[in-house]
Amino acid sequence: MGNPVTATRETWGPIAQGMALTLKHFTQMIVARDKTSVTVQYPEERREQYPRTRWRHALTRHEDGLEKCIGCSLCAGACPARCIYVEAAENTDEHRFSPGERFAARYEINMLRCIFCGYCQEACPTGAITLRKDFELADYKRADFLYTKQMLLEPTPAPDAAG
C-alpha cells in the first residue's frame, strides 16, 4: 500500500486542475461578454446569413421552363454522405422535361443524412442543383425529411403578358 496522501493527490489533483481551468474560462467569459449583443426576435426578424451559407437544396429551371437536371447522377456520385438518389429516364418529343436526351424521373435527397457540403452543387454540369440560404428545415416526422423532386423543383416561370 502506498502513502494515502500521495493517493489522494493523484486522484483529486487532476480534477482540481480541470475545475480551476473551467473556472478561469468561465470568469473570462463573464468579464469579456459583449455588452452590445442584440437579441433577434426570430420569426419576425431575421439575422443576415454569411455570404457562403448553404442550406436548402433547389432544382432550378431554364428560362423557358425546362428542367436543368439531365439525370446524370454526378451529384449523387459526389455526395460523401450518399444522401442523393437520381433515377434517369429518356425524353421524348411528346413529353420533354429537359433540353437533353434524359431527365431526372426521380430525384430524392435524404436531408437527415445531408452534411450540406455543397459537393452536389459543384459537381452538377448544368447548374441544376443549388443550395440556398433558406435554413428553416425543421419537421416532426422522419418521412418528411425525404425531399422529392416535386419539393425541390422551382415553380414553372409564368409566361410574359407581352409574349
N, C-alpha and C. Protein backbone atom coordinates (compact mmCIF):
# COMPACT_ATOMS: atom_id res chain seq x y z
N MET A 1 0.83 -1.18 0.00
CA MET A 1 0.00 0.00 0.00
C MET A 1 0.87 1.24 0.00
N GLY A 2 0.40 2.23 -0.72
CA GLY A 2 1.15 3.46 -0.82
C GLY A 2 0.73 4.46 0.23
N ASN A 3 1.34 5.57 0.18
CA ASN A 3 1.04 6.66 1.09
C ASN A 3 -0.36 7.20 0.78
N PRO A 4 -1.27 7.35 1.74
CA PRO A 4 -2.62 7.84 1.47
C PRO A 4 -2.63 9.29 0.97
N VAL A 5 -1.67 10.10 1.36
CA VAL A 5 -1.61 11.48 0.89
C VAL A 5 -1.28 11.50 -0.60
N THR A 6 -0.36 10.65 -1.03
CA THR A 6 0.00 10.58 -2.45
C THR A 6 -1.17 10.06 -3.27
N ALA A 7 -1.86 9.06 -2.77
CA ALA A 7 -3.01 8.51 -3.48
C ALA A 7 -4.12 9.55 -3.62
N THR A 8 -4.34 10.33 -2.60
CA THR A 8 -5.35 11.38 -2.64
C THR A 8 -4.96 12.46 -3.64
N ARG A 9 -3.68 12.84 -3.64
CA ARG A 9 -3.19 13.86 -4.56
C ARG A 9 -3.32 13.36 -6.00
N GLU A 10 -3.01 12.11 -6.26
CA GLU A 10 -3.11 11.55 -7.61
C GLU A 10 -4.56 11.47 -8.08
N THR A 11 -5.47 11.26 -7.15
CA THR A 11 -6.88 11.14 -7.50
C THR A 11 -7.52 12.50 -7.70
N TRP A 12 -7.35 13.39 -6.75
CA TRP A 12 -8.06 14.66 -6.78
C TRP A 12 -7.30 15.78 -7.46
N GLY A 13 -6.01 15.63 -7.67
CA GLY A 13 -5.20 16.67 -8.30
C GLY A 13 -5.67 17.02 -9.71
N PRO A 14 -5.82 16.03 -10.63
CA PRO A 14 -6.29 16.35 -11.97
C PRO A 14 -7.71 16.93 -12.00
N ILE A 15 -8.54 16.47 -11.08
CA ILE A 15 -9.90 17.02 -11.03
C ILE A 15 -9.86 18.48 -10.62
N ALA A 16 -9.02 18.81 -9.63
CA ALA A 16 -8.90 20.21 -9.20
C ALA A 16 -8.32 21.07 -10.31
N GLN A 17 -7.34 20.55 -11.04
CA GLN A 17 -6.77 21.31 -12.16
C GLN A 17 -7.84 21.59 -13.23
N GLY A 18 -8.63 20.58 -13.56
CA GLY A 18 -9.68 20.75 -14.56
C GLY A 18 -10.73 21.75 -14.11
N MET A 19 -11.11 21.70 -12.85
CA MET A 19 -12.11 22.65 -12.35
C MET A 19 -11.54 24.06 -12.29
N ALA A 20 -10.25 24.20 -11.98
CA ALA A 20 -9.63 25.53 -11.96
C ALA A 20 -9.61 26.11 -13.38
N LEU A 21 -9.29 25.29 -14.36
CA LEU A 21 -9.28 25.75 -15.75
C LEU A 21 -10.68 26.16 -16.20
N THR A 22 -11.68 25.37 -15.83
CA THR A 22 -13.06 25.71 -16.16
C THR A 22 -13.47 27.03 -15.52
N LEU A 23 -13.13 27.22 -14.26
CA LEU A 23 -13.45 28.46 -13.56
C LEU A 23 -12.74 29.64 -14.20
N LYS A 24 -11.50 29.46 -14.63
CA LYS A 24 -10.75 30.53 -15.31
C LYS A 24 -11.45 30.97 -16.59
N HIS A 25 -11.84 29.99 -17.41
CA HIS A 25 -12.52 30.32 -18.67
C HIS A 25 -13.90 30.93 -18.42
N PHE A 26 -14.58 30.45 -17.40
CA PHE A 26 -15.90 30.99 -17.08
C PHE A 26 -15.80 32.46 -16.66
N THR A 27 -14.83 32.79 -15.82
CA THR A 27 -14.69 34.18 -15.39
C THR A 27 -14.26 35.07 -16.55
N GLN A 28 -13.40 34.58 -17.44
CA GLN A 28 -13.02 35.35 -18.62
C GLN A 28 -14.23 35.62 -19.51
N MET A 29 -15.11 34.63 -19.62
CA MET A 29 -16.30 34.79 -20.45
C MET A 29 -17.22 35.85 -19.84
N ILE A 30 -17.38 35.85 -18.53
CA ILE A 30 -18.24 36.82 -17.86
C ILE A 30 -17.67 38.23 -18.02
N VAL A 31 -16.37 38.39 -17.87
CA VAL A 31 -15.74 39.71 -17.94
C VAL A 31 -15.78 40.24 -19.37
N ALA A 32 -15.53 39.37 -20.35
CA ALA A 32 -15.41 39.83 -21.74
C ALA A 32 -16.72 39.76 -22.50
N ARG A 33 -17.83 39.56 -21.84
CA ARG A 33 -19.11 39.46 -22.53
C ARG A 33 -19.40 40.73 -23.32
N ASP A 34 -19.88 40.53 -24.53
CA ASP A 34 -20.18 41.67 -25.40
C ASP A 34 -21.41 42.39 -24.86
N LYS A 35 -21.24 43.64 -24.50
CA LYS A 35 -22.35 44.42 -23.94
C LYS A 35 -23.32 44.89 -25.02
N THR A 36 -22.91 44.81 -26.29
CA THR A 36 -23.77 45.29 -27.37
C THR A 36 -24.48 44.16 -28.10
N SER A 37 -24.53 42.97 -27.52
CA SER A 37 -25.21 41.86 -28.19
C SER A 37 -26.70 42.15 -28.30
N VAL A 38 -27.27 41.75 -29.41
CA VAL A 38 -28.67 42.05 -29.70
C VAL A 38 -29.43 40.75 -29.86
N THR A 39 -30.57 40.67 -29.23
CA THR A 39 -31.43 39.51 -29.38
C THR A 39 -32.33 39.73 -30.59
N VAL A 40 -32.35 38.74 -31.47
CA VAL A 40 -33.18 38.83 -32.67
C VAL A 40 -34.51 38.14 -32.38
N GLN A 41 -35.60 38.83 -32.62
CA GLN A 41 -36.93 38.26 -32.43
C GLN A 41 -37.24 37.42 -33.66
N TYR A 42 -36.88 36.12 -33.61
CA TYR A 42 -36.71 35.31 -34.80
C TYR A 42 -37.81 35.29 -35.86
N PRO A 43 -39.00 34.86 -35.62
CA PRO A 43 -39.85 34.74 -36.81
C PRO A 43 -40.10 36.08 -37.50
N GLU A 44 -40.17 37.15 -36.73
CA GLU A 44 -40.43 38.45 -37.32
C GLU A 44 -39.17 39.08 -37.91
N GLU A 45 -38.06 38.94 -37.23
CA GLU A 45 -36.78 39.49 -37.68
C GLU A 45 -35.85 38.34 -38.03
N ARG A 46 -35.00 38.58 -39.02
CA ARG A 46 -34.03 37.55 -39.40
C ARG A 46 -32.65 38.18 -39.45
N ARG A 47 -31.70 37.44 -38.95
CA ARG A 47 -30.31 37.89 -38.98
C ARG A 47 -29.73 37.59 -40.36
N GLU A 48 -28.87 38.44 -40.85
CA GLU A 48 -28.24 38.25 -42.15
C GLU A 48 -27.33 37.02 -42.11
N GLN A 49 -27.45 36.18 -43.14
CA GLN A 49 -26.64 34.97 -43.23
C GLN A 49 -25.26 35.32 -43.79
N TYR A 50 -24.32 34.45 -43.52
CA TYR A 50 -22.97 34.64 -44.06
C TYR A 50 -23.01 34.45 -45.58
N PRO A 51 -22.09 35.07 -46.32
CA PRO A 51 -22.15 35.01 -47.78
C PRO A 51 -22.07 33.60 -48.35
N ARG A 52 -21.34 32.70 -47.72
CA ARG A 52 -21.19 31.34 -48.26
C ARG A 52 -22.11 30.34 -47.59
N THR A 53 -23.20 30.78 -47.01
CA THR A 53 -24.14 29.89 -46.35
C THR A 53 -24.80 28.96 -47.35
N ARG A 54 -24.89 27.68 -46.99
CA ARG A 54 -25.54 26.67 -47.84
C ARG A 54 -26.52 25.87 -46.99
N TRP A 55 -27.82 25.91 -47.36
CA TRP A 55 -28.81 25.14 -46.63
C TRP A 55 -29.73 24.38 -47.57
N ARG A 56 -30.89 24.92 -47.86
CA ARG A 56 -31.91 24.19 -48.60
C ARG A 56 -31.52 23.99 -50.06
N HIS A 57 -31.71 22.75 -50.53
CA HIS A 57 -31.44 22.40 -51.92
C HIS A 57 -32.61 22.84 -52.81
N ALA A 58 -32.30 23.16 -54.05
CA ALA A 58 -33.34 23.51 -55.02
C ALA A 58 -32.90 23.05 -56.39
N LEU A 59 -33.84 22.51 -57.16
CA LEU A 59 -33.59 22.16 -58.55
C LEU A 59 -34.09 23.32 -59.41
N THR A 60 -33.21 23.87 -60.23
CA THR A 60 -33.55 25.06 -61.00
C THR A 60 -34.05 24.70 -62.39
N ARG A 61 -34.61 25.70 -63.05
CA ARG A 61 -35.14 25.54 -64.40
C ARG A 61 -34.47 26.55 -65.34
N HIS A 62 -34.59 26.28 -66.64
CA HIS A 62 -34.20 27.24 -67.66
C HIS A 62 -35.29 28.30 -67.75
N GLU A 63 -35.01 29.38 -68.48
CA GLU A 63 -35.99 30.46 -68.64
C GLU A 63 -37.26 29.99 -69.35
N ASP A 64 -37.12 29.00 -70.23
CA ASP A 64 -38.29 28.50 -70.96
C ASP A 64 -39.11 27.49 -70.16
N GLY A 65 -38.70 27.19 -68.92
CA GLY A 65 -39.46 26.30 -68.06
C GLY A 65 -38.95 24.87 -68.02
N LEU A 66 -38.02 24.51 -68.90
CA LEU A 66 -37.47 23.15 -68.89
C LEU A 66 -36.53 22.99 -67.69
N GLU A 67 -36.48 21.77 -67.17
CA GLU A 67 -35.61 21.49 -66.03
C GLU A 67 -34.16 21.47 -66.47
N LYS A 68 -33.29 21.96 -65.61
CA LYS A 68 -31.86 21.93 -65.92
C LYS A 68 -31.27 20.55 -65.66
N CYS A 69 -31.88 19.77 -64.77
CA CYS A 69 -31.34 18.46 -64.41
C CYS A 69 -31.50 17.49 -65.58
N ILE A 70 -30.39 16.87 -65.97
CA ILE A 70 -30.40 15.92 -67.08
C ILE A 70 -30.27 14.47 -66.59
N GLY A 71 -30.35 14.25 -65.29
CA GLY A 71 -30.32 12.91 -64.75
C GLY A 71 -28.98 12.21 -64.86
N CYS A 72 -27.88 12.95 -64.81
CA CYS A 72 -26.55 12.35 -64.99
C CYS A 72 -26.03 11.67 -63.73
N SER A 73 -26.57 11.95 -62.57
CA SER A 73 -26.21 11.38 -61.27
C SER A 73 -24.81 11.76 -60.80
N LEU A 74 -24.22 12.81 -61.36
CA LEU A 74 -22.92 13.25 -60.87
C LEU A 74 -23.03 13.82 -59.45
N CYS A 75 -24.16 14.42 -59.14
CA CYS A 75 -24.37 14.95 -57.79
C CYS A 75 -24.40 13.81 -56.77
N ALA A 76 -25.06 12.71 -57.14
CA ALA A 76 -25.12 11.55 -56.24
C ALA A 76 -23.74 10.93 -56.07
N GLY A 77 -22.96 10.92 -57.13
CA GLY A 77 -21.62 10.36 -57.04
C GLY A 77 -20.68 11.21 -56.22
N ALA A 78 -20.87 12.52 -56.23
CA ALA A 78 -20.00 13.43 -55.48
C ALA A 78 -20.38 13.53 -54.01
N CYS A 79 -21.57 13.11 -53.65
CA CYS A 79 -22.07 13.28 -52.28
C CYS A 79 -21.34 12.32 -51.33
N PRO A 80 -20.60 12.83 -50.33
CA PRO A 80 -19.91 11.94 -49.41
C PRO A 80 -20.85 11.23 -48.44
N ALA A 81 -22.03 11.77 -48.21
CA ALA A 81 -22.99 11.15 -47.29
C ALA A 81 -23.92 10.17 -47.99
N ARG A 82 -23.86 10.11 -49.32
CA ARG A 82 -24.71 9.22 -50.13
C ARG A 82 -26.19 9.45 -49.81
N CYS A 83 -26.59 10.70 -49.80
CA CYS A 83 -27.98 11.02 -49.47
C CYS A 83 -28.81 11.37 -50.70
N ILE A 84 -28.22 11.37 -51.89
CA ILE A 84 -28.93 11.74 -53.11
C ILE A 84 -29.17 10.50 -53.97
N TYR A 85 -30.41 10.38 -54.47
CA TYR A 85 -30.76 9.28 -55.37
C TYR A 85 -31.37 9.89 -56.63
N VAL A 86 -30.82 9.51 -57.79
CA VAL A 86 -31.32 10.03 -59.06
C VAL A 86 -31.64 8.84 -59.96
N GLU A 87 -32.84 8.85 -60.50
CA GLU A 87 -33.26 7.84 -61.48
C GLU A 87 -33.56 8.58 -62.78
N ALA A 88 -32.82 8.26 -63.82
CA ALA A 88 -32.96 8.96 -65.09
C ALA A 88 -33.96 8.26 -66.00
N ALA A 89 -34.55 9.03 -66.91
CA ALA A 89 -35.46 8.50 -67.92
C ALA A 89 -35.20 9.27 -69.22
N GLU A 90 -35.66 8.70 -70.32
CA GLU A 90 -35.45 9.30 -71.63
C GLU A 90 -36.54 10.33 -71.93
N ASN A 91 -36.13 11.46 -72.50
CA ASN A 91 -37.07 12.46 -73.00
C ASN A 91 -37.65 11.98 -74.32
N THR A 92 -38.87 12.32 -74.58
CA THR A 92 -39.49 12.06 -75.88
C THR A 92 -39.95 13.38 -76.47
N ASP A 93 -40.30 13.36 -77.74
CA ASP A 93 -40.77 14.60 -78.36
C ASP A 93 -42.11 15.04 -77.78
N GLU A 94 -42.95 14.07 -77.38
CA GLU A 94 -44.25 14.41 -76.80
C GLU A 94 -44.11 14.90 -75.36
N HIS A 95 -43.20 14.30 -74.62
CA HIS A 95 -43.01 14.65 -73.21
C HIS A 95 -41.56 15.05 -73.00
N ARG A 96 -41.29 16.33 -73.07
CA ARG A 96 -39.93 16.85 -72.92
C ARG A 96 -39.86 17.60 -71.60
N PHE A 97 -38.93 17.14 -70.72
CA PHE A 97 -38.76 17.76 -69.41
C PHE A 97 -37.48 18.58 -69.33
N SER A 98 -36.45 18.17 -70.09
CA SER A 98 -35.18 18.88 -70.09
C SER A 98 -34.68 19.00 -71.52
N PRO A 99 -33.73 19.89 -71.78
CA PRO A 99 -33.27 20.06 -73.16
C PRO A 99 -32.44 18.89 -73.68
N GLY A 100 -31.92 18.04 -72.82
CA GLY A 100 -31.08 16.94 -73.24
C GLY A 100 -31.87 15.70 -73.61
N GLU A 101 -31.14 14.59 -73.75
CA GLU A 101 -31.78 13.32 -74.08
C GLU A 101 -32.49 12.71 -72.88
N ARG A 102 -31.95 12.98 -71.69
CA ARG A 102 -32.52 12.39 -70.48
C ARG A 102 -32.96 13.47 -69.51
N PHE A 103 -33.71 13.03 -68.52
CA PHE A 103 -34.12 13.91 -67.43
C PHE A 103 -34.19 13.08 -66.17
N ALA A 104 -34.30 13.71 -65.03
CA ALA A 104 -34.40 13.01 -63.75
C ALA A 104 -35.87 12.67 -63.50
N ALA A 105 -36.23 11.40 -63.72
CA ALA A 105 -37.60 10.98 -63.45
C ALA A 105 -37.85 10.96 -61.95
N ARG A 106 -36.82 10.63 -61.19
CA ARG A 106 -36.93 10.59 -59.72
C ARG A 106 -35.68 11.22 -59.15
N TYR A 107 -35.84 12.17 -58.28
CA TYR A 107 -34.72 12.86 -57.64
C TYR A 107 -35.08 13.00 -56.17
N GLU A 108 -34.30 12.40 -55.29
CA GLU A 108 -34.59 12.44 -53.86
C GLU A 108 -33.33 12.78 -53.08
N ILE A 109 -33.51 13.55 -52.02
CA ILE A 109 -32.42 13.86 -51.10
C ILE A 109 -32.91 13.55 -49.69
N ASN A 110 -32.16 12.70 -48.99
CA ASN A 110 -32.46 12.41 -47.60
C ASN A 110 -31.77 13.47 -46.75
N MET A 111 -32.54 14.45 -46.30
CA MET A 111 -31.96 15.59 -45.59
C MET A 111 -31.43 15.24 -44.21
N LEU A 112 -31.81 14.09 -43.66
CA LEU A 112 -31.26 13.68 -42.38
C LEU A 112 -29.81 13.23 -42.53
N ARG A 113 -29.44 12.81 -43.71
CA ARG A 113 -28.07 12.36 -43.96
C ARG A 113 -27.19 13.46 -44.54
N CYS A 114 -27.79 14.49 -45.10
CA CYS A 114 -27.05 15.54 -45.80
C CYS A 114 -26.16 16.30 -44.81
N ILE A 115 -24.92 16.58 -45.25
CA ILE A 115 -23.99 17.34 -44.41
C ILE A 115 -23.79 18.75 -44.95
N PHE A 116 -24.54 19.15 -45.97
CA PHE A 116 -24.54 20.49 -46.54
C PHE A 116 -23.14 20.94 -46.95
N CYS A 117 -22.42 20.05 -47.60
CA CYS A 117 -21.05 20.34 -48.03
C CYS A 117 -21.02 21.12 -49.34
N GLY A 118 -22.04 20.99 -50.17
CA GLY A 118 -22.08 21.69 -51.44
C GLY A 118 -21.40 20.97 -52.58
N TYR A 119 -20.94 19.74 -52.37
CA TYR A 119 -20.28 18.99 -53.45
C TYR A 119 -21.25 18.68 -54.58
N CYS A 120 -22.51 18.48 -54.26
CA CYS A 120 -23.51 18.21 -55.31
C CYS A 120 -23.63 19.42 -56.24
N GLN A 121 -23.61 20.59 -55.68
CA GLN A 121 -23.71 21.82 -56.47
C GLN A 121 -22.48 21.99 -57.35
N GLU A 122 -21.32 21.68 -56.81
CA GLU A 122 -20.08 21.82 -57.58
C GLU A 122 -19.98 20.78 -58.70
N ALA A 123 -20.52 19.59 -58.46
CA ALA A 123 -20.39 18.51 -59.44
C ALA A 123 -21.39 18.62 -60.58
N CYS A 124 -22.46 19.37 -60.42
CA CYS A 124 -23.51 19.44 -61.43
C CYS A 124 -23.03 20.19 -62.67
N PRO A 125 -23.01 19.53 -63.83
CA PRO A 125 -22.51 20.20 -65.04
C PRO A 125 -23.48 21.25 -65.60
N THR A 126 -24.74 21.17 -65.26
CA THR A 126 -25.73 22.10 -65.80
C THR A 126 -26.16 23.17 -64.80
N GLY A 127 -25.69 23.10 -63.57
CA GLY A 127 -26.10 24.06 -62.55
C GLY A 127 -27.52 23.83 -62.08
N ALA A 128 -27.98 22.58 -62.14
CA ALA A 128 -29.37 22.29 -61.80
C ALA A 128 -29.61 22.32 -60.29
N ILE A 129 -28.70 21.77 -59.51
CA ILE A 129 -28.89 21.73 -58.06
C ILE A 129 -28.13 22.89 -57.43
N THR A 130 -28.82 23.66 -56.62
CA THR A 130 -28.19 24.77 -55.91
C THR A 130 -28.59 24.69 -54.45
N LEU A 131 -27.74 25.21 -53.60
CA LEU A 131 -28.03 25.29 -52.18
C LEU A 131 -28.32 26.74 -51.84
N ARG A 132 -29.48 26.97 -51.27
CA ARG A 132 -29.94 28.33 -50.98
C ARG A 132 -29.73 28.66 -49.51
N LYS A 133 -30.01 29.89 -49.15
CA LYS A 133 -29.82 30.36 -47.78
C LYS A 133 -31.01 30.10 -46.87
N ASP A 134 -32.03 29.44 -47.36
CA ASP A 134 -33.22 29.15 -46.54
C ASP A 134 -32.86 28.06 -45.55
N PHE A 135 -32.83 28.39 -44.26
CA PHE A 135 -32.36 27.46 -43.25
C PHE A 135 -33.46 26.83 -42.43
N GLU A 136 -34.70 27.08 -42.73
CA GLU A 136 -35.80 26.52 -41.94
C GLU A 136 -36.10 25.11 -42.43
N LEU A 137 -35.45 24.14 -41.84
CA LEU A 137 -35.54 22.76 -42.28
C LEU A 137 -36.16 21.83 -41.24
N ALA A 138 -36.69 22.36 -40.16
CA ALA A 138 -37.23 21.54 -39.09
C ALA A 138 -38.55 20.88 -39.50
N ASP A 139 -38.79 19.69 -38.96
CA ASP A 139 -40.03 18.98 -39.21
C ASP A 139 -40.28 18.03 -38.05
N TYR A 140 -41.41 17.34 -38.06
CA TYR A 140 -41.78 16.48 -36.94
C TYR A 140 -41.65 15.00 -37.24
N LYS A 141 -41.71 14.60 -38.50
CA LYS A 141 -41.65 13.18 -38.85
C LYS A 141 -40.45 12.91 -39.74
N ARG A 142 -39.83 11.74 -39.56
CA ARG A 142 -38.66 11.37 -40.35
C ARG A 142 -38.97 11.30 -41.83
N ALA A 143 -40.15 10.85 -42.17
CA ALA A 143 -40.52 10.70 -43.58
C ALA A 143 -40.57 12.05 -44.30
N ASP A 144 -40.80 13.12 -43.57
CA ASP A 144 -40.87 14.44 -44.18
C ASP A 144 -39.50 15.00 -44.54
N PHE A 145 -38.43 14.34 -44.12
CA PHE A 145 -37.08 14.79 -44.46
C PHE A 145 -36.56 14.16 -45.74
N LEU A 146 -37.37 13.35 -46.40
CA LEU A 146 -37.00 12.81 -47.71
C LEU A 146 -37.58 13.76 -48.75
N TYR A 147 -36.75 14.64 -49.28
CA TYR A 147 -37.19 15.66 -50.23
C TYR A 147 -37.26 15.05 -51.62
N THR A 148 -38.41 15.15 -52.24
CA THR A 148 -38.62 14.59 -53.57
C THR A 148 -38.39 15.67 -54.62
N LYS A 149 -38.43 15.25 -55.88
CA LYS A 149 -38.22 16.19 -56.98
C LYS A 149 -39.28 17.28 -56.97
N GLN A 150 -40.51 16.94 -56.67
CA GLN A 150 -41.58 17.93 -56.65
C GLN A 150 -41.34 18.98 -55.56
N MET A 151 -40.74 18.58 -54.45
CA MET A 151 -40.46 19.52 -53.37
C MET A 151 -39.26 20.41 -53.70
N LEU A 152 -38.31 19.89 -54.45
CA LEU A 152 -37.08 20.61 -54.75
C LEU A 152 -37.17 21.50 -55.98
N LEU A 153 -38.03 21.15 -56.93
CA LEU A 153 -38.08 21.84 -58.20
C LEU A 153 -38.73 23.21 -58.08
N GLU A 154 -38.08 24.19 -58.67
CA GLU A 154 -38.65 25.55 -58.69
C GLU A 154 -39.93 25.55 -59.49
N PRO A 155 -40.85 26.44 -59.18
CA PRO A 155 -42.08 26.52 -59.98
C PRO A 155 -41.79 26.95 -61.41
N THR A 156 -42.65 26.55 -62.31
CA THR A 156 -42.51 26.93 -63.70
C THR A 156 -42.71 28.43 -63.83
N PRO A 157 -41.81 29.13 -64.54
CA PRO A 157 -41.98 30.58 -64.66
C PRO A 157 -43.26 30.91 -65.44
N ALA A 158 -43.92 31.96 -64.98
CA ALA A 158 -45.16 32.39 -65.64
C ALA A 158 -44.82 33.00 -67.00
N PRO A 159 -45.65 32.74 -68.02
CA PRO A 159 -45.38 33.35 -69.34
C PRO A 159 -45.56 34.86 -69.27
N ASP A 160 -44.78 35.56 -70.10
CA ASP A 160 -44.88 37.02 -70.13
C ASP A 160 -46.22 37.44 -70.71
N ALA A 161 -46.76 38.53 -70.21
CA ALA A 161 -48.04 39.05 -70.72
C ALA A 161 -47.85 39.64 -72.12
N ALA A 162 -46.65 40.14 -72.40
CA ALA A 162 -46.39 40.75 -73.70
C ALA A 162 -46.21 39.70 -74.78
N GLY A 163 -45.69 38.49 -74.42
CA GLY A 163 -45.42 37.48 -75.43
C GLY A 163 -46.40 36.42 -75.37
